[in-house]
PDB file of N, CA and C in Angstrom:
ATOM      1  N   UNK A   1       0.845  -1.184   0.000  1.00  0.00           N
ATOM      2  CA  UNK A   1       0.000   0.000   0.000  1.00  0.00           C
ATOM      3  C   UNK A   1       0.883   1.238   0.000  1.00  0.00           C
ATOM      4  N   UNK A   2       0.468   2.246   0.726  1.00  0.00           N
ATOM      5  CA  UNK A   2       1.244   3.471   0.751  1.00  0.00           C
ATOM      6  C   UNK A   2       0.500   4.561   1.481  1.00  0.00           C
ATOM      7  N   UNK A   3       0.808   5.776   1.129  1.00  0.00           N
ATOM      8  CA  UNK A   3       0.159   6.916   1.758  1.00  0.00           C
ATOM      9  C   UNK A   3      -1.277   7.018   1.269  1.00  0.00           C
ATOM     10  N   UNK A   4      -2.172   7.360   2.156  1.00  0.00           N
ATOM     11  CA  UNK A   4      -3.559   7.535   1.750  1.00  0.00           C
ATOM     12  C   UNK A   4      -3.971   8.995   1.811  1.00  0.00           C
ATOM     13  N   UNK A   5      -3.385   9.729   2.751  1.00  0.00           N
ATOM     14  CA  UNK A   5      -3.750  11.132   2.920  1.00  0.00           C
ATOM     15  C   UNK A   5      -2.516  11.948   3.283  1.00  0.00           C
ATOM     16  N   UNK A   6      -2.531  13.183   2.831  1.00  0.00           N
ATOM     17  CA  UNK A   6      -1.531  14.151   3.243  1.00  0.00           C
ATOM     18  C   UNK A   6      -2.333  15.312   3.800  1.00  0.00           C
ATOM     19  N   UNK A   7      -2.107  15.630   5.069  1.00  0.00           N
ATOM     20  CA  UNK A   7      -2.939  16.618   5.741  1.00  0.00           C
ATOM     21  C   UNK A   7      -2.127  17.810   6.216  1.00  0.00           C
ATOM     22  N   UNK A   8      -2.758  18.971   6.173  1.00  0.00           N
ATOM     23  CA  UNK A   8      -2.222  20.178   6.783  1.00  0.00           C
ATOM     24  C   UNK A   8      -3.008  20.382   8.069  1.00  0.00           C
ATOM     25  N   UNK A   9      -2.291  20.302   9.200  1.00  0.00           N
ATOM     26  CA  UNK A   9      -2.929  20.358  10.514  1.00  0.00           C
ATOM     27  C   UNK A   9      -2.498  21.601  11.271  1.00  0.00           C
ATOM     28  N   UNK A  10      -3.400  22.094  12.127  1.00  0.00           N
ATOM     29  CA  UNK A  10      -3.029  23.193  13.006  1.00  0.00           C
ATOM     30  C   UNK A  10      -2.426  22.636  14.290  1.00  0.00           C
ATOM     31  N   UNK A  11      -2.048  23.523  15.203  1.00  0.00           N
ATOM     32  CA  UNK A  11      -1.355  23.096  16.417  1.00  0.00           C
ATOM     33  C   UNK A  11      -2.199  22.222  17.334  1.00  0.00           C
ATOM     34  N   UNK A  12      -3.513  22.244  17.157  1.00  0.00           N
ATOM     35  CA  UNK A  12      -4.402  21.412  17.966  1.00  0.00           C
ATOM     36  C   UNK A  12      -4.775  20.114  17.263  1.00  0.00           C
ATOM     37  N   UNK A  13      -4.158  19.864  16.116  1.00  0.00           N
ATOM     38  CA  UNK A  13      -4.468  18.659  15.342  1.00  0.00           C
ATOM     39  C   UNK A  13      -5.679  18.813  14.448  1.00  0.00           C
ATOM     40  N   UNK A  14      -6.199  20.033  14.369  1.00  0.00           N
ATOM     41  CA  UNK A  14      -7.355  20.296  13.508  1.00  0.00           C
ATOM     42  C   UNK A  14      -6.966  20.284  12.037  1.00  0.00           C
ATOM     43  N   UNK A  15      -7.817  19.706  11.236  1.00  0.00           N
ATOM     44  CA  UNK A  15      -7.566  19.593   9.799  1.00  0.00           C
ATOM     45  C   UNK A  15      -7.845  20.910   9.095  1.00  0.00           C
ATOM     46  N   UNK A  16      -6.814  21.455   8.435  1.00  0.00           N
ATOM     47  CA  UNK A  16      -6.995  22.666   7.628  1.00  0.00           C
ATOM     48  C   UNK A  16      -7.311  22.309   6.185  1.00  0.00           C
ATOM     49  N   UNK A  17      -6.541  21.367   5.634  1.00  0.00           N
ATOM     50  CA  UNK A  17      -6.725  20.902   4.261  1.00  0.00           C
ATOM     51  C   UNK A  17      -6.128  19.511   4.152  1.00  0.00           C
ATOM     52  N   UNK A  18      -6.548  18.781   3.104  1.00  0.00           N
ATOM     53  CA  UNK A  18      -5.932  17.486   2.873  1.00  0.00           C
ATOM     54  C   UNK A  18      -5.946  17.134   1.390  1.00  0.00           C
ATOM     55  N   UNK A  19      -5.019  16.261   1.047  1.00  0.00           N
ATOM     56  CA  UNK A  19      -4.902  15.701  -0.291  1.00  0.00           C
ATOM     57  C   UNK A  19      -5.050  14.196  -0.131  1.00  0.00           C
ATOM     58  N   UNK A  20      -5.893  13.600  -0.944  1.00  0.00           N
ATOM     59  CA  UNK A  20      -6.099  12.159  -0.904  1.00  0.00           C
ATOM     60  C   UNK A  20      -5.313  11.513  -2.043  1.00  0.00           C
ATOM     61  N   UNK A  21      -4.518  10.520  -1.704  1.00  0.00           N
ATOM     62  CA  UNK A  21      -3.736   9.772  -2.685  1.00  0.00           C
ATOM     63  C   UNK A  21      -4.463   8.451  -2.955  1.00  0.00           C
ATOM     64  N   UNK A  22      -5.533   8.526  -3.731  1.00  0.00           N
ATOM     65  CA  UNK A  22      -6.400   7.368  -3.961  1.00  0.00           C
ATOM     66  C   UNK A  22      -5.698   6.218  -4.673  1.00  0.00           C
ATOM     67  N   UNK A  23      -4.730   6.523  -5.512  1.00  0.00           N
ATOM     68  CA  UNK A  23      -4.063   5.485  -6.300  1.00  0.00           C
ATOM     69  C   UNK A  23      -2.696   5.092  -5.764  1.00  0.00           C
ATOM     70  N   UNK A  24      -2.379   5.555  -4.566  1.00  0.00           N
ATOM     71  CA  UNK A  24      -1.086   5.236  -3.947  1.00  0.00           C
ATOM     72  C   UNK A  24       0.102   5.543  -4.855  1.00  0.00           C
ATOM     73  N   UNK A  25       0.081   6.717  -5.438  1.00  0.00           N
ATOM     74  CA  UNK A  25       1.137   7.132  -6.363  1.00  0.00           C
ATOM     75  C   UNK A  25       2.327   7.758  -5.650  1.00  0.00           C
ATOM     76  N   UNK A  26       2.088   8.256  -4.455  1.00  0.00           N
ATOM     77  CA  UNK A  26       3.133   8.988  -3.756  1.00  0.00           C
ATOM     78  C   UNK A  26       4.328   8.105  -3.396  1.00  0.00           C
ATOM     79  N   UNK A  27       4.076   6.878  -3.005  1.00  0.00           N
ATOM     80  CA  UNK A  27       5.177   5.976  -2.644  1.00  0.00           C
ATOM     81  C   UNK A  27       6.132   5.803  -3.823  1.00  0.00           C
ATOM     82  N   UNK A  28       5.583   5.509  -4.990  1.00  0.00           N
ATOM     83  CA  UNK A  28       6.429   5.328  -6.178  1.00  0.00           C
ATOM     84  C   UNK A  28       7.160   6.609  -6.535  1.00  0.00           C
ATOM     85  N   UNK A  29       6.459   7.734  -6.362  1.00  0.00           N
ATOM     86  CA  UNK A  29       7.079   9.017  -6.683  1.00  0.00           C
ATOM     87  C   UNK A  29       8.271   9.282  -5.769  1.00  0.00           C
ATOM     88  N   UNK A  30       8.099   9.098  -4.493  1.00  0.00           N
ATOM     89  CA  UNK A  30       9.189   9.334  -3.540  1.00  0.00           C
ATOM     90  C   UNK A  30      10.323   8.340  -3.781  1.00  0.00           C
ATOM     91  N   UNK A  31       9.984   7.086  -3.998  1.00  0.00           N
ATOM     92  CA  UNK A  31      11.020   6.071  -4.209  1.00  0.00           C
ATOM     93  C   UNK A  31      11.787   6.260  -5.516  1.00  0.00           C
ATOM     94  N   UNK A  32      11.236   7.054  -6.435  1.00  0.00           N
ATOM     95  CA  UNK A  32      11.915   7.288  -7.716  1.00  0.00           C
ATOM     96  C   UNK A  32      12.986   8.374  -7.625  1.00  0.00           C
ATOM     97  N   UNK A  33      13.074   9.034  -6.494  1.00  0.00           N
ATOM     98  CA  UNK A  33      14.052  10.108  -6.322  1.00  0.00           C
ATOM     99  C   UNK A  33      15.461   9.518  -6.269  1.00  0.00           C
ATOM    100  N   UNK A  34      16.354  10.021  -7.122  1.00  0.00           N
ATOM    101  CA  UNK A  34      17.741   9.539  -7.079  1.00  0.00           C
ATOM    102  C   UNK A  34      18.374   9.868  -5.722  1.00  0.00           C
ATOM    103  N   UNK A  35      19.161   8.952  -5.205  1.00  0.00           N
ATOM    104  CA  UNK A  35      19.865   9.148  -3.931  1.00  0.00           C
ATOM    105  C   UNK A  35      18.916   9.486  -2.788  1.00  0.00           C
ATOM    106  N   UNK A  36      17.804   8.791  -2.734  1.00  0.00           N
ATOM    107  CA  UNK A  36      16.809   9.032  -1.694  1.00  0.00           C
ATOM    108  C   UNK A  36      17.422   8.959  -0.302  1.00  0.00           C
ATOM    109  N   UNK A  37      18.340   8.044  -0.113  1.00  0.00           N
ATOM    110  CA  UNK A  37      18.955   7.874   1.208  1.00  0.00           C
ATOM    111  C   UNK A  37      19.781   9.084   1.634  1.00  0.00           C
ATOM    112  N   UNK A  38      20.097   9.971   0.721  1.00  0.00           N
ATOM    113  CA  UNK A  38      20.866  11.172   1.047  1.00  0.00           C
ATOM    114  C   UNK A  38      19.970  12.356   1.419  1.00  0.00           C
ATOM    115  N   UNK A  39      18.663  12.193   1.296  1.00  0.00           N
ATOM    116  CA  UNK A  39      17.756  13.291   1.630  1.00  0.00           C
ATOM    117  C   UNK A  39      17.566  13.370   3.144  1.00  0.00           C
ATOM    118  N   UNK A  40      17.167  14.538   3.604  1.00  0.00           N
ATOM    119  CA  UNK A  40      16.979  14.748   5.037  1.00  0.00           C
ATOM    120  C   UNK A  40      15.533  14.547   5.473  1.00  0.00           C
ATOM    121  N   UNK A  41      14.589  14.726   4.574  1.00  0.00           N
ATOM    122  CA  UNK A  41      13.170  14.579   4.909  1.00  0.00           C
ATOM    123  C   UNK A  41      12.513  13.441   4.135  1.00  0.00           C
ATOM    124  N   UNK A  42      12.701  13.419   2.835  1.00  0.00           N
ATOM    125  CA  UNK A  42      11.994  12.444   1.996  1.00  0.00           C
ATOM    126  C   UNK A  42      12.248  11.003   2.408  1.00  0.00           C
ATOM    127  N   UNK A  43      13.477  10.688   2.776  1.00  0.00           N
ATOM    128  CA  UNK A  43      13.788   9.295   3.115  1.00  0.00           C
ATOM    129  C   UNK A  43      13.034   8.813   4.348  1.00  0.00           C
ATOM    130  N   UNK A  44      12.538   9.736   5.151  1.00  0.00           N
ATOM    131  CA  UNK A  44      11.850   9.352   6.380  1.00  0.00           C
ATOM    132  C   UNK A  44      10.324   9.348   6.255  1.00  0.00           C
ATOM    133  N   UNK A  45       9.808   9.589   5.062  1.00  0.00           N
ATOM    134  CA  UNK A  45       8.359   9.470   4.870  1.00  0.00           C
ATOM    135  C   UNK A  45       8.018   7.983   4.929  1.00  0.00           C
ATOM    136  N   UNK A  46       7.228   7.601   5.907  1.00  0.00           N
ATOM    137  CA  UNK A  46       6.917   6.200   6.161  1.00  0.00           C
ATOM    138  C   UNK A  46       5.595   5.821   5.496  1.00  0.00           C
ATOM    139  N   UNK A  47       5.624   5.025   4.429  1.00  0.00           N
ATOM    140  CA  UNK A  47       4.381   4.682   3.736  1.00  0.00           C
ATOM    141  C   UNK A  47       3.451   3.787   4.545  1.00  0.00           C
ATOM    142  N   UNK A  48       3.943   3.197   5.643  1.00  0.00           N
ATOM    143  CA  UNK A  48       3.128   2.290   6.445  1.00  0.00           C
ATOM    144  C   UNK A  48       2.761   2.868   7.809  1.00  0.00           C
ATOM    145  N   UNK A  49       3.279   4.029   8.121  1.00  0.00           N
ATOM    146  CA  UNK A  49       2.975   4.710   9.377  1.00  0.00           C
ATOM    147  C   UNK A  49       2.709   6.168   9.094  1.00  0.00           C
ATOM    148  N   UNK A  50       2.649   6.962  10.120  1.00  0.00           N
ATOM    149  CA  UNK A  50       2.417   8.392   9.947  1.00  0.00           C
ATOM    150  C   UNK A  50       3.733   9.145  10.108  1.00  0.00           C
ATOM    151  N   UNK A  51       3.892  10.184   9.301  1.00  0.00           N
ATOM    152  CA  UNK A  51       5.063  11.043   9.381  1.00  0.00           C
ATOM    153  C   UNK A  51       4.572  12.483   9.477  1.00  0.00           C
ATOM    154  N   UNK A  52       5.067  13.214  10.467  1.00  0.00           N
ATOM    155  CA  UNK A  52       4.649  14.602  10.667  1.00  0.00           C
ATOM    156  C   UNK A  52       5.869  15.503  10.547  1.00  0.00           C
ATOM    157  N   UNK A  53       5.741  16.525   9.716  1.00  0.00           N
ATOM    158  CA  UNK A  53       6.801  17.515   9.533  1.00  0.00           C
ATOM    159  C   UNK A  53       6.295  18.868  10.023  1.00  0.00           C
ATOM    160  N   UNK A  54       7.201  19.663  10.592  1.00  0.00           N
ATOM    161  CA  UNK A  54       6.790  20.966  11.116  1.00  0.00           C
ATOM    162  C   UNK A  54       7.285  22.112  10.244  1.00  0.00           C
ATOM    163  N   UNK A  55       6.931  23.313  10.635  1.00  0.00           N
ATOM    164  CA  UNK A  55       7.274  24.530   9.883  1.00  0.00           C
ATOM    165  C   UNK A  55       8.775  24.658   9.660  1.00  0.00           C
ATOM    166  N   UNK A  56       9.563  24.331  10.670  1.00  0.00           N
ATOM    167  CA  UNK A  56      11.015  24.472  10.546  1.00  0.00           C
ATOM    168  C   UNK A  56      11.618  23.510   9.531  1.00  0.00           C
ATOM    169  N   UNK A  57      10.948  22.408   9.270  1.00  0.00           N
ATOM    170  CA  UNK A  57      11.437  21.424   8.309  1.00  0.00           C
ATOM    171  C   UNK A  57      11.016  21.737   6.874  1.00  0.00           C
ATOM    172  N   UNK A  58      10.088  22.647   6.701  1.00  0.00           N
ATOM    173  CA  UNK A  58       9.527  22.898   5.372  1.00  0.00           C
ATOM    174  C   UNK A  58      10.520  23.417   4.336  1.00  0.00           C
ATOM    175  N   UNK A  59      11.450  24.330   4.657  1.00  0.00           N
ATOM    176  CA  UNK A  59      12.392  24.747   3.614  1.00  0.00           C
ATOM    177  C   UNK A  59      13.179  23.564   3.042  1.00  0.00           C
ATOM    178  N   UNK A  60      13.651  22.677   3.909  1.00  0.00           N
ATOM    179  CA  UNK A  60      14.404  21.503   3.451  1.00  0.00           C
ATOM    180  C   UNK A  60      13.487  20.563   2.678  1.00  0.00           C
ATOM    181  N   UNK A  61      12.285  20.314   3.222  1.00  0.00           N
ATOM    182  CA  UNK A  61      11.334  19.435   2.552  1.00  0.00           C
ATOM    183  C   UNK A  61      11.000  19.964   1.160  1.00  0.00           C
ATOM    184  N   UNK A  62      10.721  21.252   1.046  1.00  0.00           N
ATOM    185  CA  UNK A  62      10.362  21.831  -0.254  1.00  0.00           C
ATOM    186  C   UNK A  62      11.515  21.744  -1.250  1.00  0.00           C
ATOM    187  N   UNK A  63      12.727  21.940  -0.780  1.00  0.00           N
ATOM    188  CA  UNK A  63      13.897  21.803  -1.668  1.00  0.00           C
ATOM    189  C   UNK A  63      13.995  20.374  -2.183  1.00  0.00           C
ATOM    190  N   UNK A  64      13.776  19.417  -1.293  1.00  0.00           N
ATOM    191  CA  UNK A  64      13.833  18.010  -1.703  1.00  0.00           C
ATOM    192  C   UNK A  64      12.611  17.638  -2.549  1.00  0.00           C
ATOM    193  N   UNK A  65      11.475  18.244  -2.267  1.00  0.00           N
ATOM    194  CA  UNK A  65      10.248  17.922  -2.987  1.00  0.00           C
ATOM    195  C   UNK A  65      10.386  18.219  -4.480  1.00  0.00           C
ATOM    196  N   UNK A  66      11.230  19.176  -4.831  1.00  0.00           N
ATOM    197  CA  UNK A  66      11.480  19.473  -6.251  1.00  0.00           C
ATOM    198  C   UNK A  66      11.943  18.221  -6.991  1.00  0.00           C
ATOM    199  N   UNK A  67      12.710  17.383  -6.313  1.00  0.00           N
ATOM    200  CA  UNK A  67      13.178  16.144  -6.943  1.00  0.00           C
ATOM    201  C   UNK A  67      11.995  15.222  -7.252  1.00  0.00           C
ATOM    202  N   UNK A  68      11.015  15.181  -6.374  1.00  0.00           N
ATOM    203  CA  UNK A  68       9.807  14.391  -6.647  1.00  0.00           C
ATOM    204  C   UNK A  68       9.058  14.963  -7.838  1.00  0.00           C
ATOM    205  N   UNK A  69       8.926  16.261  -7.860  1.00  0.00           N
ATOM    206  CA  UNK A  69       8.207  16.900  -8.964  1.00  0.00           C
ATOM    207  C   UNK A  69       8.888  16.634 -10.306  1.00  0.00           C
ATOM    208  N   UNK A  70      10.199  16.568 -10.299  1.00  0.00           N
ATOM    209  CA  UNK A  70      10.936  16.265 -11.532  1.00  0.00           C
ATOM    210  C   UNK A  70      10.671  14.848 -12.017  1.00  0.00           C
ATOM    211  N   UNK A  71      10.331  13.936 -11.105  1.00  0.00           N
ATOM    212  CA  UNK A  71      10.066  12.547 -11.471  1.00  0.00           C
ATOM    213  C   UNK A  71       8.607  12.319 -11.886  1.00  0.00           C
ATOM    214  N   UNK A  72       7.758  13.310 -11.647  1.00  0.00           N
ATOM    215  CA  UNK A  72       6.328  13.178 -11.952  1.00  0.00           C
ATOM    216  C   UNK A  72       6.096  13.459 -13.432  1.00  0.00           C
ATOM    217  N   UNK A  73       5.786  12.412 -14.195  1.00  0.00           N
ATOM    218  CA  UNK A  73       5.608  12.569 -15.631  1.00  0.00           C
ATOM    219  C   UNK A  73       4.142  12.478 -16.056  1.00  0.00           C
ATOM    220  N   UNK A  74       3.354  11.711 -15.365  1.00  0.00           N
ATOM    221  CA  UNK A  74       1.934  11.590 -15.696  1.00  0.00           C
ATOM    222  C   UNK A  74       1.163  12.780 -15.124  1.00  0.00           C
ATOM    223  N   UNK A  75       0.163  13.271 -15.832  1.00  0.00           N
ATOM    224  CA  UNK A  75      -0.593  14.441 -15.363  1.00  0.00           C
ATOM    225  C   UNK A  75      -1.174  14.268 -13.963  1.00  0.00           C
ATOM    226  N   UNK A  76      -1.701  13.095 -13.654  1.00  0.00           N
ATOM    227  CA  UNK A  76      -2.299  12.893 -12.329  1.00  0.00           C
ATOM    228  C   UNK A  76      -1.242  12.886 -11.223  1.00  0.00           C
ATOM    229  N   UNK A  77      -0.050  12.409 -11.533  1.00  0.00           N
ATOM    230  CA  UNK A  77       1.034  12.413 -10.548  1.00  0.00           C
ATOM    231  C   UNK A  77       1.565  13.836 -10.377  1.00  0.00           C
ATOM    232  N   UNK A  78       1.667  14.578 -11.477  1.00  0.00           N
ATOM    233  CA  UNK A  78       2.073  15.983 -11.390  1.00  0.00           C
ATOM    234  C   UNK A  78       1.089  16.775 -10.540  1.00  0.00           C
ATOM    235  N   UNK A  79      -0.191  16.497 -10.730  1.00  0.00           N
ATOM    236  CA  UNK A  79      -1.221  17.183  -9.943  1.00  0.00           C
ATOM    237  C   UNK A  79      -1.063  16.879  -8.457  1.00  0.00           C
ATOM    238  N   UNK A  80      -0.845  15.625  -8.122  1.00  0.00           N
ATOM    239  CA  UNK A  80      -0.635  15.233  -6.733  1.00  0.00           C
ATOM    240  C   UNK A  80       0.578  15.953  -6.153  1.00  0.00           C
ATOM    241  N   UNK A  81       1.673  15.973  -6.888  1.00  0.00           N
ATOM    242  CA  UNK A  81       2.900  16.631  -6.431  1.00  0.00           C
ATOM    243  C   UNK A  81       2.675  18.124  -6.217  1.00  0.00           C
ATOM    244  N   UNK A  82       1.930  18.747  -7.108  1.00  0.00           N
ATOM    245  CA  UNK A  82       1.626  20.183  -6.996  1.00  0.00           C
ATOM    246  C   UNK A  82       0.761  20.464  -5.779  1.00  0.00           C
ATOM    247  N   UNK A  83      -0.214  19.610  -5.533  1.00  0.00           N
ATOM    248  CA  UNK A  83      -1.084  19.792  -4.371  1.00  0.00           C
ATOM    249  C   UNK A  83      -0.307  19.673  -3.065  1.00  0.00           C
ATOM    250  N   UNK A  84       0.615  18.729  -3.020  1.00  0.00           N
ATOM    251  CA  UNK A  84       1.430  18.558  -1.814  1.00  0.00           C
ATOM    252  C   UNK A  84       2.355  19.758  -1.630  1.00  0.00           C
ATOM    253  N   UNK A  85       2.936  20.259  -2.719  1.00  0.00           N
ATOM    254  CA  UNK A  85       3.781  21.449  -2.629  1.00  0.00           C
ATOM    255  C   UNK A  85       2.985  22.628  -2.073  1.00  0.00           C
ATOM    256  N   UNK A  86       1.742  22.770  -2.510  1.00  0.00           N
ATOM    257  CA  UNK A  86       0.909  23.877  -2.042  1.00  0.00           C
ATOM    258  C   UNK A  86       0.693  23.780  -0.526  1.00  0.00           C
ATOM    259  N   UNK A  87       0.376  22.585  -0.023  1.00  0.00           N
ATOM    260  CA  UNK A  87       0.194  22.414   1.416  1.00  0.00           C
ATOM    261  C   UNK A  87       1.493  22.704   2.169  1.00  0.00           C
ATOM    262  N   UNK A  88       2.608  22.212   1.639  1.00  0.00           N
ATOM    263  CA  UNK A  88       3.910  22.439   2.278  1.00  0.00           C
ATOM    264  C   UNK A  88       4.267  23.926   2.287  1.00  0.00           C
ATOM    265  N   UNK A  89       3.920  24.635   1.233  1.00  0.00           N
ATOM    266  CA  UNK A  89       4.196  26.080   1.160  1.00  0.00           C
ATOM    267  C   UNK A  89       3.395  26.845   2.205  1.00  0.00           C
ATOM    268  N   UNK A  90       2.153  26.444   2.402  1.00  0.00           N
ATOM    269  CA  UNK A  90       1.339  27.063   3.450  1.00  0.00           C
ATOM    270  C   UNK A  90       1.953  26.772   4.809  1.00  0.00           C
ATOM    271  N   UNK A  91       2.342  25.532   5.022  1.00  0.00           N
ATOM    272  CA  UNK A  91       2.957  25.118   6.284  1.00  0.00           C
ATOM    273  C   UNK A  91       4.231  25.912   6.558  1.00  0.00           C
ATOM    274  N   UNK A  92       4.990  26.192   5.526  1.00  0.00           N
ATOM    275  CA  UNK A  92       6.240  26.942   5.677  1.00  0.00           C
ATOM    276  C   UNK A  92       5.979  28.391   6.090  1.00  0.00           C
ATOM    277  N   UNK A  93       4.902  28.967   5.588  1.00  0.00           N
ATOM    278  CA  UNK A  93       4.646  30.403   5.786  1.00  0.00           C
ATOM    279  C   UNK A  93       3.886  30.730   7.063  1.00  0.00           C
ATOM    280  N   UNK A  94       3.096  29.795   7.550  1.00  0.00           N
ATOM    281  CA  UNK A  94       2.270  30.077   8.724  1.00  0.00           C
ATOM    282  C   UNK A  94       2.790  29.285   9.925  1.00  0.00           C
ATOM    283  N   UNK A  95       2.889  29.942  11.084  1.00  0.00           N
ATOM    284  CA  UNK A  95       3.375  29.226  12.272  1.00  0.00           C
ATOM    285  C   UNK A  95       2.350  28.226  12.790  1.00  0.00           C
ATOM    286  N   UNK A  96       2.838  27.262  13.528  1.00  0.00           N
ATOM    287  CA  UNK A  96       2.002  26.278  14.222  1.00  0.00           C
ATOM    288  C   UNK A  96       1.202  25.382  13.282  1.00  0.00           C
ATOM    289  N   UNK A  97       1.774  25.077  12.115  1.00  0.00           N
ATOM    290  CA  UNK A  97       1.130  24.144  11.197  1.00  0.00           C
ATOM    291  C   UNK A  97       2.050  22.940  11.009  1.00  0.00           C
ATOM    292  N   UNK A  98       1.435  21.822  10.627  1.00  0.00           N
ATOM    293  CA  UNK A  98       2.173  20.582  10.441  1.00  0.00           C
ATOM    294  C   UNK A  98       1.681  19.889   9.184  1.00  0.00           C
ATOM    295  N   UNK A  99       2.588  19.256   8.482  1.00  0.00           N
ATOM    296  CA  UNK A  99       2.256  18.474   7.305  1.00  0.00           C
ATOM    297  C   UNK A  99       2.354  17.006   7.711  1.00  0.00           C
ATOM    298  N   UNK A 100       1.240  16.302   7.616  1.00  0.00           N
ATOM    299  CA  UNK A 100       1.183  14.924   8.077  1.00  0.00           C
ATOM    300  C   UNK A 100       0.916  13.983   6.909  1.00  0.00           C
ATOM    301  N   UNK A 101       1.779  12.993   6.754  1.00  0.00           N
ATOM    302  CA  UNK A 101       1.620  11.957   5.746  1.00  0.00           C
ATOM    303  C   UNK A 101       1.085  10.727   6.474  1.00  0.00           C
ATOM    304  N   UNK A 102      -0.099  10.284   6.085  1.00  0.00           N
ATOM    305  CA  UNK A 102      -0.734   9.145   6.756  1.00  0.00           C
ATOM    306  C   UNK A 102      -0.547   7.921   5.886  1.00  0.00           C
ATOM    307  N   UNK A 103       0.149   6.946   6.422  1.00  0.00           N
ATOM    308  CA  UNK A 103       0.408   5.710   5.693  1.00  0.00           C
ATOM    309  C   UNK A 103      -0.628   4.658   5.987  1.00  0.00           C
ATOM    310  N   UNK A 104      -0.690   3.659   5.111  1.00  0.00           N
ATOM    311  CA  UNK A 104      -1.637   2.559   5.282  1.00  0.00           C
ATOM    312  C   UNK A 104      -1.071   1.491   6.193  1.00  0.00           C
TER     313      UNK A 104
END
């Protein structure tokens, strides 16, 4: 399986926005990144558990996320990557937000 939801949460765990990965495309996208083991954030996205990133991690995550976007060739995968970037950008700009990847 893989990730099912990517959520933007507030400091109380309240849902601000979410992206649903209905076709489990995110796992393949992340795993397609060259030198994944050298990344600081992407390598720790757990497709079978939950991974939460905070505002301070967003600049690094967004820099690494570009590598995922470069690997996205199908329109639906590009759309998913763009939606996740948008949530991460909001998380980077506003305090007390978290980006949560929910694994199956």
